[in-house]
Amino acid sequence: MREWQSQSHVRWYCRYHIVIVPKYRKRTIYGSLRKGIGKILRELCLQHGVELVAGHAMPDHVHMCLSIPPKFSVANTVGFLKGKSAIQIHRRYVGKARNFTGFHFWARGYFVSTIGLDEAAVRAYIHKQEEAERRHEQLSLGGR
């Protein structure tokens, strides 16, 4: 059953499947950084008033299912998450404590798709991405 949310003049159910990738699609999301990115994105979503319904960090991209209120645009929300998370990643994992501009971690673009009636299928897809990636890597290693 859908969980309709409401604000003063609107009842809404807006869910989006969003994929963001590191700059140059480098496979940089491993180990403690992988867990840290999840924590950083959860904190930023709470700060911005966005619900992180589901998420999964792969070595070269991050899948998220976000519930974004209609008062925020998807582009501004993703820009906020990418910008602030890049600063946090540089502060926590690269060791740059000062607030300089130009902290780049994410690539410029992102993928977004609305989630309608098939939300369960999108959630299952997000959670099964790691298994599919492992199978793909095993096939590529065996073929060489």
Protein backbone atom coordinates (compact mmCIF):
# COMPACT_ATOMS: atom_id res chain seq x y z
CA MET A 1 0.00 0.00 0.00
CA ARG A 2 1.23 3.48 -0.80
CA GLU A 3 2.29 5.82 2.00
CA TRP A 4 0.77 9.11 0.94
CA GLN A 5 2.41 12.10 2.58
CA SER A 6 0.97 15.53 3.02
CA GLN A 7 1.92 19.12 3.50
CA SER A 8 -0.41 22.03 4.17
CA HIS A 9 -2.02 22.09 0.70
CA VAL A 10 -0.97 18.89 -1.00
CA ARG A 11 -1.05 15.10 -0.63
CA TRP A 12 1.79 13.49 -2.52
CA TYR A 13 3.71 10.35 -3.35
CA CYS A 14 6.82 11.22 -5.36
CA ARG A 15 9.55 8.57 -5.57
CA TYR A 16 12.55 8.68 -7.86
CA HIS A 17 15.25 6.16 -8.83
CA ILE A 18 18.52 8.11 -9.01
CA VAL A 19 21.97 6.91 -10.05
CA ILE A 20 25.10 9.02 -9.53
CA VAL A 21 28.62 8.09 -10.60
CA PRO A 22 32.09 9.19 -9.45
CA LYS A 23 34.13 11.41 -11.73
CA TYR A 24 35.52 9.50 -14.74
CA ARG A 25 33.49 6.48 -13.53
CA LYS A 26 36.44 5.42 -11.40
CA ARG A 27 35.94 2.40 -9.18
CA THR A 28 36.62 4.32 -5.98
CA ILE A 29 33.72 3.25 -3.77
CA TYR A 30 35.21 0.45 -1.64
CA GLY A 31 35.52 -0.50 2.04
CA SER A 32 35.05 2.24 4.59
CA LEU A 33 34.33 4.81 1.87
CA ARG A 34 31.39 2.70 0.70
CA LYS A 35 29.82 2.68 4.17
CA GLY A 36 30.75 6.32 4.70
CA ILE A 37 29.05 7.44 1.49
CA GLY A 38 25.84 5.78 2.62
CA LYS A 39 25.99 7.49 5.99
CA ILE A 40 26.81 10.87 4.41
CA LEU A 41 23.92 10.61 1.93
CA ARG A 42 21.48 9.57 4.69
CA GLU A 43 22.52 12.55 6.84
CA LEU A 44 22.18 14.97 3.93
CA CYS A 45 18.75 13.60 3.01
CA LEU A 46 17.54 14.14 6.58
CA GLN A 47 19.00 17.64 6.57
CA HIS A 48 17.27 18.51 3.29
CA GLY A 49 13.89 16.95 4.15
CA VAL A 50 14.17 14.11 1.66
CA GLU A 51 13.53 10.45 2.53
CA LEU A 52 16.16 7.92 1.42
CA VAL A 53 13.89 4.91 0.87
CA ALA A 54 16.58 2.53 -0.44
CA GLY A 55 20.14 2.80 -1.60
CA HIS A 56 23.10 0.73 -2.64
CA ALA A 57 26.69 1.72 -3.37
CA MET A 58 28.42 -0.17 -6.16
CA PRO A 59 32.19 0.20 -6.86
CA ASP A 60 31.55 2.73 -9.64
CA HIS A 61 28.05 4.15 -8.98
CA VAL A 62 25.37 4.67 -6.33
CA HIS A 63 21.69 3.73 -6.68
CA MET A 64 19.14 5.57 -4.55
CA CYS A 65 15.39 5.52 -4.23
CA LEU A 66 14.42 8.96 -2.93
CA SER A 67 11.09 10.36 -1.83
CA ILE A 68 11.37 14.04 -2.72
CA PRO A 69 8.62 16.46 -1.64
CA PRO A 70 7.02 18.42 -4.49
CA LYS A 71 8.34 21.70 -3.07
CA PHE A 72 11.88 20.61 -4.12
CA SER A 73 12.98 19.97 -7.68
CA VAL A 74 14.84 16.77 -8.46
CA ALA A 75 17.73 18.71 -10.01
CA ASN A 76 18.22 20.91 -6.94
CA THR A 77 18.00 17.92 -4.60
CA VAL A 78 20.56 15.88 -6.56
CA GLY A 79 22.82 18.95 -6.86
CA PHE A 80 22.62 19.47 -3.10
CA LEU A 81 23.38 15.81 -2.36
CA LYS A 82 26.30 15.61 -4.80
CA GLY A 83 27.83 18.94 -3.78
CA LYS A 84 27.60 18.55 -0.04
CA SER A 85 28.60 14.87 -0.12
CA ALA A 86 31.71 15.70 -2.18
CA ILE A 87 32.77 18.21 0.47
CA GLN A 88 32.15 15.68 3.27
CA ILE A 89 34.04 12.92 1.42
CA HIS A 90 37.05 15.19 0.93
CA ARG A 91 36.99 16.27 4.57
CA ARG A 92 36.60 12.78 6.05
CA TYR A 93 38.57 10.59 3.64
CA VAL A 94 41.02 12.81 1.76
CA GLY A 95 41.99 14.92 4.76
CA LYS A 96 41.21 18.37 3.37
CA ALA A 97 39.84 20.22 6.38
CA ARG A 98 39.55 23.71 4.88
CA ASN A 99 36.49 24.73 2.95
CA PHE A 100 37.96 25.39 -0.47
CA THR A 101 35.88 25.33 -3.61
CA GLY A 102 36.50 22.79 -6.30
CA PHE A 103 36.02 19.55 -4.36
CA HIS A 104 35.06 17.17 -7.15
CA PHE A 105 34.04 13.59 -6.52
CA TRP A 106 30.92 13.04 -8.63
CA ALA A 107 30.55 13.28 -12.41
CA ARG A 108 28.44 16.12 -13.80
CA GLY A 109 25.34 14.17 -14.77
CA TYR A 110 22.98 11.76 -13.09
CA PHE A 111 20.21 9.33 -14.03
CA VAL A 112 16.67 9.81 -12.74
CA SER A 113 13.48 7.87 -13.32
CA THR A 114 10.12 8.24 -11.66
CA ILE A 115 8.80 5.25 -9.77
CA GLY A 116 5.16 4.52 -10.37
CA LEU A 117 3.28 1.30 -9.89
CA ASP A 118 6.38 -0.91 -10.10
CA GLU A 119 8.18 0.38 -7.00
CA ALA A 120 8.78 -3.14 -5.67
CA ALA A 121 10.52 -4.05 -8.92
CA VAL A 122 12.80 -0.98 -8.71
CA ARG A 123 13.64 -1.72 -5.07
CA ALA A 124 14.49 -5.33 -5.98
CA TYR A 125 16.62 -4.08 -8.88
CA ILE A 126 18.57 -1.74 -6.58
CA HIS A 127 19.24 -4.51 -4.06
CA LYS A 128 20.26 -7.08 -6.69
CA GLN A 129 22.78 -4.82 -8.43
CA GLU A 130 25.72 -6.15 -6.43
CA GLU A 131 24.94 -9.77 -7.34
CA ALA A 132 24.68 -8.86 -11.01
CA GLU A 133 27.99 -6.97 -10.86
CA ARG A 134 29.74 -9.97 -9.27
CA ARG A 135 28.37 -12.34 -11.91
CA HIS A 136 29.47 -9.97 -14.67
CA GLU A 137 32.98 -9.71 -13.21
CA GLN A 138 33.25 -13.48 -12.86
CA LEU A 139 32.21 -13.97 -16.49
CA SER A 140 34.72 -11.38 -17.69
CA LEU A 141 37.52 -12.93 -15.61
CA GLY A 142 36.75 -16.45 -16.83
CA GLY A 143 36.69 -15.41 -20.49
CA ARG A 144 40.17 -13.89 -20.54
